[in-house]
């Protein structure tokens, strides 16, 4: 009886590990930022509507489920590689049977899509496109030097777009904001090329350039914002410090350990990027709201793997 209980506990813990808990708050941050871009918080400030708040929470939950499903299936597709390079992961260890992982990942994706349809038809359509993009990345694109970062970044761009669909399909002008997470996550994905073996300085340099593009874009939004720049520039400063300190260290000491730390910082700092983006396009206090997700992500990152 004790052995069976222990096996069940190990299985459940393995399922949680597969879902990368530290990364899930970053998915929520995408949605909140997307909602901020299309003016949700202006509506809530002028006239609080419980239905709008519920819709935002449903999109947040949908995004978390889609992200969790995507990373579970990512490990399913990486099963053979992980047996050699990351044998400590739940599937190669046998803690979570591969068929169970397939069922878990697929179920999370389906639930995520269904929840998005509850909010808007357009939200459901974007969620389906996002799911398809996740599966393309997991199964085909991730090992390609160019398409891997591009498709992974597109998943984040579509996640931000999912938040923007809370009122339906947003104006085309707003679609441009989705380019920022595409560029940013493409940079983080390039950094991860050396997680196992190191020796990826050329990727780190290119990632630094992509980071620069994102930073300049957000700085432009801050300068064009109707709010005083002193209120919203601290979000950008925090973001810059969080991503460049580990990147410089990984370049100076190009070891797998430092590269992993740079990737971890890049993923978790999505919260800060979204905070800066939301503050510059909505209200400064929305940035603070998003930053509240950061301690949760950091807390979970000490107990679970980010990559």
C-alpha atoms as a PDB file:
ATOM      1  CA  UNK A   1       0.000   0.000   0.000  1.00  0.00           C
ATOM      2  CA  UNK A   2       2.840   2.377   0.943  1.00  0.00           C
ATOM      3  CA  UNK A   3       4.664   1.664  -2.326  1.00  0.00           C
ATOM      4  CA  UNK A   4       1.521   2.349  -4.349  1.00  0.00           C
ATOM      5  CA  UNK A   5       0.999   5.640  -2.506  1.00  0.00           C
ATOM      6  CA  UNK A   6       4.630   6.585  -3.123  1.00  0.00           C
ATOM      7  CA  UNK A   7       4.307   5.789  -6.836  1.00  0.00           C
ATOM      8  CA  UNK A   8       1.164   7.916  -7.088  1.00  0.00           C
ATOM      9  CA  UNK A   9       2.904  10.797  -5.329  1.00  0.00           C
ATOM     10  CA  UNK A  10       5.907  10.526  -7.653  1.00  0.00           C
ATOM     11  CA  UNK A  11       3.615  10.399 -10.690  1.00  0.00           C
ATOM     12  CA  UNK A  12       1.706  13.520  -9.627  1.00  0.00           C
ATOM     13  CA  UNK A  13       4.920  15.386  -8.835  1.00  0.00           C
ATOM     14  CA  UNK A  14       6.301  14.349 -12.219  1.00  0.00           C
ATOM     15  CA  UNK A  15       3.200  15.718 -13.963  1.00  0.00           C
ATOM     16  CA  UNK A  16       3.653  19.036 -12.158  1.00  0.00           C
ATOM     17  CA  UNK A  17       7.339  19.163 -13.127  1.00  0.00           C
ATOM     18  CA  UNK A  18       6.407  18.576 -16.783  1.00  0.00           C
ATOM     19  CA  UNK A  19       4.154  21.664 -16.697  1.00  0.00           C
ATOM     20  CA  UNK A  20       7.071  23.978 -15.711  1.00  0.00           C
ATOM     21  CA  UNK A  21       5.270  25.843 -12.858  1.00  0.00           C
ATOM     22  CA  UNK A  22       7.728  28.810 -12.763  1.00  0.00           C
ATOM     23  CA  UNK A  23       6.838  29.688 -16.360  1.00  0.00           C
ATOM     24  CA  UNK A  24       3.069  29.686 -15.920  1.00  0.00           C
ATOM     25  CA  UNK A  25       2.856  33.177 -14.335  1.00  0.00           C
ATOM     26  CA  UNK A  26       4.606  34.539 -17.433  1.00  0.00           C
ATOM     27  CA  UNK A  27       1.735  33.230 -19.571  1.00  0.00           C
ATOM     28  CA  UNK A  28      -0.713  35.057 -17.295  1.00  0.00           C
ATOM     29  CA  UNK A  29       1.390  38.225 -17.680  1.00  0.00           C
ATOM     30  CA  UNK A  30       0.985  38.012 -21.486  1.00  0.00           C
ATOM     31  CA  UNK A  31      -2.789  37.989 -21.149  1.00  0.00           C
ATOM     32  CA  UNK A  32      -2.937  40.877 -18.687  1.00  0.00           C
ATOM     33  CA  UNK A  33      -0.644  42.936 -20.930  1.00  0.00           C
ATOM     34  CA  UNK A  34      -2.785  42.113 -23.979  1.00  0.00           C
ATOM     35  CA  UNK A  35      -5.917  43.172 -22.109  1.00  0.00           C
ATOM     36  CA  UNK A  36      -4.179  46.402 -21.048  1.00  0.00           C
ATOM     37  CA  UNK A  37      -3.231  47.234 -24.641  1.00  0.00           C
ATOM     38  CA  UNK A  38      -6.867  47.146 -25.819  1.00  0.00           C
ATOM     39  CA  UNK A  39      -8.084  49.259 -22.901  1.00  0.00           C
ATOM     40  CA  UNK A  40      -9.599  46.764 -20.465  1.00  0.00           C
ATOM     41  CA  UNK A  41      -8.300  48.591 -17.413  1.00  0.00           C
ATOM     42  CA  UNK A  42      -9.656  51.921 -18.636  1.00  0.00           C
ATOM     43  CA  UNK A  43     -13.081  50.272 -18.852  1.00  0.00           C
ATOM     44  CA  UNK A  44     -12.716  48.749 -15.397  1.00  0.00           C
ATOM     45  CA  UNK A  45     -11.650  52.110 -13.916  1.00  0.00           C
ATOM     46  CA  UNK A  46     -14.509  54.056 -15.483  1.00  0.00           C
ATOM     47  CA  UNK A  47     -17.204  51.477 -14.924  1.00  0.00           C
ATOM     48  CA  UNK A  48     -16.379  48.234 -13.168  1.00  0.00           C
ATOM     49  CA  UNK A  49     -18.042  45.276 -14.857  1.00  0.00           C
ATOM     50  CA  UNK A  50     -17.739  41.886 -13.208  1.00  0.00           C
ATOM     51  CA  UNK A  51     -18.245  40.139 -16.542  1.00  0.00           C
ATOM     52  CA  UNK A  52     -15.174  41.808 -18.017  1.00  0.00           C
ATOM     53  CA  UNK A  53     -13.046  40.804 -15.029  1.00  0.00           C
ATOM     54  CA  UNK A  54     -14.317  37.222 -15.320  1.00  0.00           C
ATOM     55  CA  UNK A  55     -13.496  37.147 -19.045  1.00  0.00           C
ATOM     56  CA  UNK A  56      -9.951  38.285 -18.312  1.00  0.00           C
ATOM     57  CA  UNK A  57      -9.522  35.569 -15.690  1.00  0.00           C
ATOM     58  CA  UNK A  58     -10.852  32.959 -18.118  1.00  0.00           C
ATOM     59  CA  UNK A  59      -8.300  34.046 -20.711  1.00  0.00           C
ATOM     60  CA  UNK A  60      -5.552  33.906 -18.080  1.00  0.00           C
ATOM     61  CA  UNK A  61      -6.559  30.345 -17.170  1.00  0.00           C
ATOM     62  CA  UNK A  62      -6.835  29.395 -20.842  1.00  0.00           C
ATOM     63  CA  UNK A  63      -3.323  30.710 -21.487  1.00  0.00           C
ATOM     64  CA  UNK A  64      -1.876  28.835 -18.502  1.00  0.00           C
ATOM     65  CA  UNK A  65      -3.464  25.581 -19.685  1.00  0.00           C
ATOM     66  CA  UNK A  66      -2.196  26.073 -23.237  1.00  0.00           C
ATOM     67  CA  UNK A  67       1.319  26.813 -22.010  1.00  0.00           C
ATOM     68  CA  UNK A  68       1.318  23.830 -19.644  1.00  0.00           C
ATOM     69  CA  UNK A  69       0.026  21.514 -22.364  1.00  0.00           C
ATOM     70  CA  UNK A  70       2.653  22.769 -24.777  1.00  0.00           C
ATOM     71  CA  UNK A  71       5.619  22.133 -22.489  1.00  0.00           C
ATOM     72  CA  UNK A  72       4.331  18.695 -21.499  1.00  0.00           C
ATOM     73  CA  UNK A  73       4.117  17.667 -25.155  1.00  0.00           C
ATOM     74  CA  UNK A  74       7.502  19.251 -25.776  1.00  0.00           C
ATOM     75  CA  UNK A  75       9.003  16.668 -23.410  1.00  0.00           C
ATOM     76  CA  UNK A  76       7.014  13.942 -25.144  1.00  0.00           C
ATOM     77  CA  UNK A  77       8.580  14.829 -28.492  1.00  0.00           C
ATOM     78  CA  UNK A  78      12.020  15.143 -26.834  1.00  0.00           C
ATOM     79  CA  UNK A  79      11.801  11.717 -25.183  1.00  0.00           C
ATOM     80  CA  UNK A  80      14.647  10.102 -27.149  1.00  0.00           C
ATOM     81  CA  UNK A  81      16.926  13.139 -26.818  1.00  0.00           C
ATOM     82  CA  UNK A  82      16.203  13.480 -23.099  1.00  0.00           C
ATOM     83  CA  UNK A  83      17.125   9.852 -22.481  1.00  0.00           C
ATOM     84  CA  UNK A  84      20.681  10.817 -23.435  1.00  0.00           C
ATOM     85  CA  UNK A  85      20.924  14.492 -22.416  1.00  0.00           C
ATOM     86  CA  UNK A  86      18.392  14.993 -19.597  1.00  0.00           C
ATOM     87  CA  UNK A  87      17.698  11.554 -18.081  1.00  0.00           C
ATOM     88  CA  UNK A  88      16.529  13.209 -14.837  1.00  0.00           C
ATOM     89  CA  UNK A  89      13.313  14.447 -16.489  1.00  0.00           C
ATOM     90  CA  UNK A  90      10.065  12.648 -15.532  1.00  0.00           C
ATOM     91  CA  UNK A  91       9.430  10.845 -18.836  1.00  0.00           C
ATOM     92  CA  UNK A  92      12.895   9.278 -19.395  1.00  0.00           C
ATOM     93  CA  UNK A  93      13.033   8.454 -15.667  1.00  0.00           C
ATOM     94  CA  UNK A  94       9.768   6.538 -16.037  1.00  0.00           C
ATOM     95  CA  UNK A  95       8.062   8.602 -13.329  1.00  0.00           C
ATOM     96  CA  UNK A  96       5.434   9.645 -15.879  1.00  0.00           C
ATOM     97  CA  UNK A  97       4.740   7.070 -18.628  1.00  0.00           C
ATOM     98  CA  UNK A  98       4.864   8.599 -22.080  1.00  0.00           C
ATOM     99  CA  UNK A  99       1.225   7.690 -22.832  1.00  0.00           C
ATOM    100  CA  UNK A 100       0.138   9.462 -19.657  1.00  0.00           C
ATOM    101  CA  UNK A 101       2.164  12.522 -20.671  1.00  0.00           C
ATOM    102  CA  UNK A 102       0.503  12.544 -24.102  1.00  0.00           C
ATOM    103  CA  UNK A 103      -2.930  12.373 -22.475  1.00  0.00           C
ATOM    104  CA  UNK A 104      -2.037  15.125 -19.984  1.00  0.00           C
ATOM    105  CA  UNK A 105      -0.578  17.506 -22.561  1.00  0.00           C
ATOM    106  CA  UNK A 106      -3.400  16.972 -25.052  1.00  0.00           C
ATOM    107  CA  UNK A 107      -6.048  17.386 -22.362  1.00  0.00           C
ATOM    108  CA  UNK A 108      -4.547  20.670 -21.169  1.00  0.00           C
ATOM    109  CA  UNK A 109      -4.511  22.046 -24.723  1.00  0.00           C
ATOM    110  CA  UNK A 110      -8.138  21.061 -25.334  1.00  0.00           C
ATOM    111  CA  UNK A 111      -9.288  22.612 -22.054  1.00  0.00           C
ATOM    112  CA  UNK A 112      -7.379  25.797 -22.831  1.00  0.00           C
ATOM    113  CA  UNK A 113      -9.042  26.152 -26.223  1.00  0.00           C
ATOM    114  CA  UNK A 114     -12.515  25.432 -24.837  1.00  0.00           C
ATOM    115  CA  UNK A 115     -12.142  28.074 -22.117  1.00  0.00           C
ATOM    116  CA  UNK A 116     -11.123  30.694 -24.652  1.00  0.00           C
ATOM    117  CA  UNK A 117     -14.300  30.060 -26.666  1.00  0.00           C
ATOM    118  CA  UNK A 118     -16.320  30.890 -23.547  1.00  0.00           C
ATOM    119  CA  UNK A 119     -14.943  34.453 -23.750  1.00  0.00           C
ATOM    120  CA  UNK A 120     -15.199  35.221 -27.467  1.00  0.00           C
ATOM    121  CA  UNK A 121     -15.397  33.315 -30.734  1.00  0.00           C
ATOM    122  CA  UNK A 122     -12.331  35.270 -31.835  1.00  0.00           C
ATOM    123  CA  UNK A 123     -10.494  34.234 -28.673  1.00  0.00           C
ATOM    124  CA  UNK A 124     -11.191  30.581 -29.476  1.00  0.00           C
ATOM    125  CA  UNK A 125      -9.916  30.988 -33.031  1.00  0.00           C
ATOM    126  CA  UNK A 126      -6.677  32.599 -31.811  1.00  0.00           C
ATOM    127  CA  UNK A 127      -6.314  29.811 -29.212  1.00  0.00           C
ATOM    128  CA  UNK A 128      -6.631  27.184 -31.960  1.00  0.00           C
ATOM    129  CA  UNK A 129      -3.963  28.942 -34.040  1.00  0.00           C
ATOM    130  CA  UNK A 130      -1.770  29.182 -30.940  1.00  0.00           C
ATOM    131  CA  UNK A 131      -2.241  25.461 -30.240  1.00  0.00           C
ATOM    132  CA  UNK A 132      -1.283  24.596 -33.808  1.00  0.00           C
ATOM    133  CA  UNK A 133       1.829  26.779 -33.530  1.00  0.00           C
ATOM    134  CA  UNK A 134       2.769  25.105 -30.235  1.00  0.00           C
ATOM    135  CA  UNK A 135       2.512  21.670 -31.859  1.00  0.00           C
ATOM    136  CA  UNK A 136       4.577  22.790 -34.869  1.00  0.00           C
ATOM    137  CA  UNK A 137       7.284  23.998 -32.516  1.00  0.00           C
ATOM    138  CA  UNK A 138       7.241  20.874 -30.356  1.00  0.00           C
ATOM    139  CA  UNK A 139       7.276  18.411 -33.240  1.00  0.00           C
ATOM    140  CA  UNK A 140       9.197  20.079 -36.068  1.00  0.00           C
ATOM    141  CA  UNK A 141      10.616  23.559 -35.633  1.00  0.00           C
ATOM    142  CA  UNK A 142      12.497  23.614 -32.329  1.00  0.00           C
ATOM    143  CA  UNK A 143      15.722  22.044 -33.567  1.00  0.00           C
ATOM    144  CA  UNK A 144      15.972  24.378 -36.574  1.00  0.00           C
ATOM    145  CA  UNK A 145      18.374  27.309 -36.110  1.00  0.00           C
ATOM    146  CA  UNK A 146      16.055  29.876 -37.754  1.00  0.00           C
ATOM    147  CA  UNK A 147      12.538  28.471 -37.514  1.00  0.00           C
ATOM    148  CA  UNK A 148      12.895  27.253 -33.918  1.00  0.00           C
ATOM    149  CA  UNK A 149      13.260  30.728 -32.354  1.00  0.00           C
ATOM    150  CA  UNK A 150      10.774  32.214 -34.823  1.00  0.00           C
ATOM    151  CA  UNK A 151       8.010  29.693 -34.090  1.00  0.00           C
ATOM    152  CA  UNK A 152       8.613  29.776 -30.329  1.00  0.00           C
ATOM    153  CA  UNK A 153       8.446  33.564 -30.407  1.00  0.00           C
ATOM    154  CA  UNK A 154       5.248  33.355 -32.452  1.00  0.00           C
ATOM    155  CA  UNK A 155       3.674  31.306 -29.657  1.00  0.00           C
ATOM    156  CA  UNK A 156       4.286  34.204 -27.268  1.00  0.00           C
ATOM    157  CA  UNK A 157       3.066  36.745 -29.786  1.00  0.00           C
ATOM    158  CA  UNK A 158      -0.160  34.800 -30.236  1.00  0.00           C
ATOM    159  CA  UNK A 159      -0.520  34.522 -26.456  1.00  0.00           C
ATOM    160  CA  UNK A 160      -0.363  38.313 -26.176  1.00  0.00           C
ATOM    161  CA  UNK A 161      -2.894  38.487 -29.022  1.00  0.00           C
ATOM    162  CA  UNK A 162      -5.142  36.111 -27.081  1.00  0.00           C
ATOM    163  CA  UNK A 163      -5.346  38.722 -24.330  1.00  0.00           C
ATOM    164  CA  UNK A 164      -6.147  41.385 -26.914  1.00  0.00           C
ATOM    165  CA  UNK A 165      -9.176  39.425 -28.140  1.00  0.00           C
ATOM    166  CA  UNK A 166     -11.186  40.068 -24.986  1.00  0.00           C
ATOM    167  CA  UNK A 167     -13.304  42.544 -27.002  1.00  0.00           C
ATOM    168  CA  UNK A 168     -12.997  40.557 -30.236  1.00  0.00           C
ATOM    169  CA  UNK A 169     -10.308  40.913 -32.893  1.00  0.00           C
ATOM    170  CA  UNK A 170      -8.352  44.094 -32.057  1.00  0.00           C
ATOM    171  CA  UNK A 171      -7.555  46.831 -34.617  1.00  0.00           C
ATOM    172  CA  UNK A 172      -4.729  45.862 -36.960  1.00  0.00           C
ATOM    173  CA  UNK A 173      -2.513  48.587 -35.464  1.00  0.00           C
ATOM    174  CA  UNK A 174      -2.491  46.702 -32.160  1.00  0.00           C
ATOM    175  CA  UNK A 175      -1.212  43.552 -33.843  1.00  0.00           C
ATOM    176  CA  UNK A 176       2.236  45.172 -34.036  1.00  0.00           C
ATOM    177  CA  UNK A 177       2.623  44.763 -30.275  1.00  0.00           C
ATOM    178  CA  UNK A 178       2.744  41.005 -30.799  1.00  0.00           C
ATOM    179  CA  UNK A 179       6.086  41.459 -32.562  1.00  0.00           C
ATOM    180  CA  UNK A 180       7.768  42.342 -29.255  1.00  0.00           C
ATOM    181  CA  UNK A 181       7.333  38.939 -27.555  1.00  0.00           C
ATOM    182  CA  UNK A 182       8.157  37.248 -30.881  1.00  0.00           C
ATOM    183  CA  UNK A 183      11.515  39.040 -31.037  1.00  0.00           C
ATOM    184  CA  UNK A 184      12.168  38.655 -27.324  1.00  0.00           C
ATOM    185  CA  UNK A 185      11.449  34.934 -27.086  1.00  0.00           C
ATOM    186  CA  UNK A 186      13.397  34.310 -30.280  1.00  0.00           C
ATOM    187  CA  UNK A 187      16.356  35.827 -28.401  1.00  0.00           C
ATOM    188  CA  UNK A 188      15.797  33.615 -25.332  1.00  0.00           C
ATOM    189  CA  UNK A 189      15.460  30.534 -27.546  1.00  0.00           C
ATOM    190  CA  UNK A 190      18.775  31.332 -29.228  1.00  0.00           C
ATOM    191  CA  UNK A 191      20.468  31.592 -25.835  1.00  0.00           C
ATOM    192  CA  UNK A 192      19.188  28.115 -24.933  1.00  0.00           C
ATOM    193  CA  UNK A 193      21.144  26.580 -27.826  1.00  0.00           C
ATOM    194  CA  UNK A 194      24.080  26.057 -25.470  1.00  0.00           C
ATOM    195  CA  UNK A 195      22.249  24.740 -22.409  1.00  0.00           C
ATOM    196  CA  UNK A 196      23.760  21.281 -22.683  1.00  0.00           C
ATOM    197  CA  UNK A 197      27.219  21.801 -24.190  1.00  0.00           C
ATOM    198  CA  UNK A 198      27.962  25.531 -23.811  1.00  0.00           C
ATOM    199  CA  UNK A 199      30.033  27.331 -26.478  1.00  0.00           C
ATOM    200  CA  UNK A 200      27.278  29.567 -27.898  1.00  0.00           C
ATOM    201  CA  UNK A 201      28.814  33.057 -27.843  1.00  0.00           C
ATOM    202  CA  UNK A 202      27.617  33.930 -31.338  1.00  0.00           C
ATOM    203  CA  UNK A 203      24.034  33.185 -30.304  1.00  0.00           C
ATOM    204  CA  UNK A 204      24.446  35.281 -27.162  1.00  0.00           C
ATOM    205  CA  UNK A 205      25.615  38.259 -29.208  1.00  0.00           C
ATOM    206  CA  UNK A 206      22.672  38.007 -31.576  1.00  0.00           C
ATOM    207  CA  UNK A 207      20.297  37.588 -28.646  1.00  0.00           C
ATOM    208  CA  UNK A 208      21.707  40.785 -27.129  1.00  0.00           C
ATOM    209  CA  UNK A 209      20.919  42.634 -30.354  1.00  0.00           C
ATOM    210  CA  UNK A 210      17.350  41.303 -30.330  1.00  0.00           C
ATOM    211  CA  UNK A 211      16.994  42.348 -26.695  1.00  0.00           C
ATOM    212  CA  UNK A 212      18.093  45.812 -27.787  1.00  0.00           C
ATOM    213  CA  UNK A 213      15.343  45.980 -30.409  1.00  0.00           C
ATOM    214  CA  UNK A 214      12.711  45.156 -27.776  1.00  0.00           C
ATOM    215  CA  UNK A 215      14.111  47.701 -25.335  1.00  0.00           C
ATOM    216  CA  UNK A 216      14.201  50.503 -27.918  1.00  0.00           C
ATOM    217  CA  UNK A 217      10.621  49.676 -28.955  1.00  0.00           C
ATOM    218  CA  UNK A 218       9.326  49.872 -25.373  1.00  0.00           C
ATOM    219  CA  UNK A 219      11.340  53.063 -24.756  1.00  0.00           C
ATOM    220  CA  UNK A 220       9.617  54.595 -27.785  1.00  0.00           C
ATOM    221  CA  UNK A 221       6.220  53.668 -26.323  1.00  0.00           C
ATOM    222  CA  UNK A 222       7.206  55.220 -22.992  1.00  0.00           C
ATOM    223  CA  UNK A 223       8.255  58.486 -24.632  1.00  0.00           C
ATOM    224  CA  UNK A 224       5.000  58.599 -26.623  1.00  0.00           C
ATOM    225  CA  UNK A 225       2.834  57.741 -23.603  1.00  0.00           C
ATOM    226  CA  UNK A 226       0.457  60.323 -22.138  1.00  0.00           C
ATOM    227  CA  UNK A 227       1.782  59.417 -18.678  1.00  0.00           C
ATOM    228  CA  UNK A 228       4.923  61.000 -17.243  1.00  0.00           C
ATOM    229  CA  UNK A 229       7.973  58.971 -18.204  1.00  0.00           C
ATOM    230  CA  UNK A 230       9.175  58.907 -14.586  1.00  0.00           C
ATOM    231  CA  UNK A 231       6.156  56.774 -13.675  1.00  0.00           C
ATOM    232  CA  UNK A 232       6.761  54.069 -16.239  1.00  0.00           C
ATOM    233  CA  UNK A 233      10.495  54.076 -17.037  1.00  0.00           C
ATOM    234  CA  UNK A 234      11.367  52.106 -13.837  1.00  0.00           C
ATOM    235  CA  UNK A 235       9.612  49.074 -15.347  1.00  0.00           C
ATOM    236  CA  UNK A 236      11.939  49.202 -18.345  1.00  0.00           C
ATOM    237  CA  UNK A 237      15.017  49.742 -16.174  1.00  0.00           C
ATOM    238  CA  UNK A 238      14.157  46.674 -14.081  1.00  0.00           C
ATOM    239  CA  UNK A 239      13.657  44.655 -17.266  1.00  0.00           C
ATOM    240  CA  UNK A 240      17.027  45.726 -18.725  1.00  0.00           C
ATOM    241  CA  UNK A 241      18.900  44.830 -15.542  1.00  0.00           C
ATOM    242  CA  UNK A 242      17.185  41.465 -15.191  1.00  0.00           C
ATOM    243  CA  UNK A 243      18.038  40.239 -18.692  1.00  0.00           C
ATOM    244  CA  UNK A 244      21.470  41.723 -19.388  1.00  0.00           C
ATOM    245  CA  UNK A 245      23.306  40.854 -16.169  1.00  0.00           C
ATOM    246  CA  UNK A 246      23.008  37.052 -16.676  1.00  0.00           C
ATOM    247  CA  UNK A 247      23.515  37.448 -20.452  1.00  0.00           C
ATOM    248  CA  UNK A 248      26.848  39.241 -19.967  1.00  0.00           C
ATOM    249  CA  UNK A 249      27.947  36.644 -17.415  1.00  0.00           C
ATOM    250  CA  UNK A 250      27.035  33.805 -19.797  1.00  0.00           C
ATOM    251  CA  UNK A 251      29.080  35.454 -22.534  1.00  0.00           C
ATOM    252  CA  UNK A 252      32.087  36.068 -20.260  1.00  0.00           C
ATOM    253  CA  UNK A 253      31.976  32.563 -18.754  1.00  0.00           C
ATOM    254  CA  UNK A 254      30.361  30.513 -21.497  1.00  0.00           C
ATOM    255  CA  UNK A 255      29.411  27.432 -19.484  1.00  0.00           C
ATOM    256  CA  UNK A 256      26.139  25.449 -19.630  1.00  0.00           C
ATOM    257  CA  UNK A 257      25.359  26.524 -16.045  1.00  0.00           C
ATOM    258  CA  UNK A 258      25.604  30.247 -16.842  1.00  0.00           C
ATOM    259  CA  UNK A 259      23.689  29.765 -20.081  1.00  0.00           C
ATOM    260  CA  UNK A 260      20.874  28.052 -18.180  1.00  0.00           C
ATOM    261  CA  UNK A 261      20.783  30.985 -15.772  1.00  0.00           C
ATOM    262  CA  UNK A 262      20.536  33.416 -18.705  1.00  0.00           C
ATOM    263  CA  UNK A 263      17.665  31.385 -20.180  1.00  0.00           C
ATOM    264  CA  UNK A 264      15.919  31.222 -16.803  1.00  0.00           C
ATOM    265  CA  UNK A 265      16.274  34.990 -16.393  1.00  0.00           C
ATOM    266  CA  UNK A 266      14.997  35.551 -19.920  1.00  0.00           C
ATOM    267  CA  UNK A 267      11.875  33.450 -19.388  1.00  0.00           C
ATOM    268  CA  UNK A 268      10.989  34.858 -15.977  1.00  0.00           C
ATOM    269  CA  UNK A 269      11.727  38.433 -17.097  1.00  0.00           C
ATOM    270  CA  UNK A 270       8.811  38.131 -19.511  1.00  0.00           C
ATOM    271  CA  UNK A 271       6.816  39.353 -16.519  1.00  0.00           C
ATOM    272  CA  UNK A 272       8.920  42.533 -16.445  1.00  0.00           C
ATOM    273  CA  UNK A 273       8.662  43.009 -20.208  1.00  0.00           C
ATOM    274  CA  UNK A 274       4.897  42.702 -20.017  1.00  0.00           C
ATOM    275  CA  UNK A 275       4.823  45.095 -17.058  1.00  0.00           C
ATOM    276  CA  UNK A 276       6.764  47.713 -19.043  1.00  0.00           C
ATOM    277  CA  UNK A 277       4.566  47.170 -22.103  1.00  0.00           C
ATOM    278  CA  UNK A 278       1.316  47.387 -20.147  1.00  0.00           C
ATOM    279  CA  UNK A 279       2.404  50.448 -18.166  1.00  0.00           C
ATOM    280  CA  UNK A 280       3.402  52.310 -21.332  1.00  0.00           C
ATOM    281  CA  UNK A 281       0.184  51.500 -23.219  1.00  0.00           C
ATOM    282  CA  UNK A 282      -2.333  51.599 -20.366  1.00  0.00           C
ATOM    283  CA  UNK A 283      -1.900  52.833 -16.779  1.00  0.00           C
ATOM    284  CA  UNK A 284       1.326  52.749 -14.749  1.00  0.00           C
ATOM    285  CA  UNK A 285      -0.325  50.779 -11.959  1.00  0.00           C
ATOM    286  CA  UNK A 286      -1.137  47.936 -14.354  1.00  0.00           C
ATOM    287  CA  UNK A 287       2.615  47.389 -14.567  1.00  0.00           C
ATOM    288  CA  UNK A 288       2.689  46.984 -10.798  1.00  0.00           C
ATOM    289  CA  UNK A 289      -0.177  44.506 -11.002  1.00  0.00           C
ATOM    290  CA  UNK A 290       1.785  42.368 -13.459  1.00  0.00           C
ATOM    291  CA  UNK A 291       4.989  42.593 -11.413  1.00  0.00           C
ATOM    292  CA  UNK A 292       3.137  40.935  -8.539  1.00  0.00           C
ATOM    293  CA  UNK A 293       3.445  37.737 -10.590  1.00  0.00           C
ATOM    294  CA  UNK A 294       7.243  37.914 -10.425  1.00  0.00           C
ATOM    295  CA  UNK A 295       7.699  36.772  -6.797  1.00  0.00           C
ATOM    296  CA  UNK A 296       5.488  33.761  -7.524  1.00  0.00           C
ATOM    297  CA  UNK A 297       7.549  32.862 -10.574  1.00  0.00           C
ATOM    298  CA  UNK A 298      10.822  33.280  -8.658  1.00  0.00           C
ATOM    299  CA  UNK A 299       9.498  31.220  -5.745  1.00  0.00           C
ATOM    300  CA  UNK A 300       8.494  28.375  -8.055  1.00  0.00           C
ATOM    301  CA  UNK A 301      11.799  28.575  -9.966  1.00  0.00           C
ATOM    302  CA  UNK A 302      13.650  27.592  -6.790  1.00  0.00           C
ATOM    303  CA  UNK A 303      11.642  24.377  -6.621  1.00  0.00           C
ATOM    304  CA  UNK A 304      11.037  23.466 -10.258  1.00  0.00           C
ATOM    305  CA  UNK A 305      13.018  23.667 -13.492  1.00  0.00           C
ATOM    306  CA  UNK A 306      12.321  26.558 -15.872  1.00  0.00           C
ATOM    307  CA  UNK A 307      13.697  24.790 -18.978  1.00  0.00           C
END
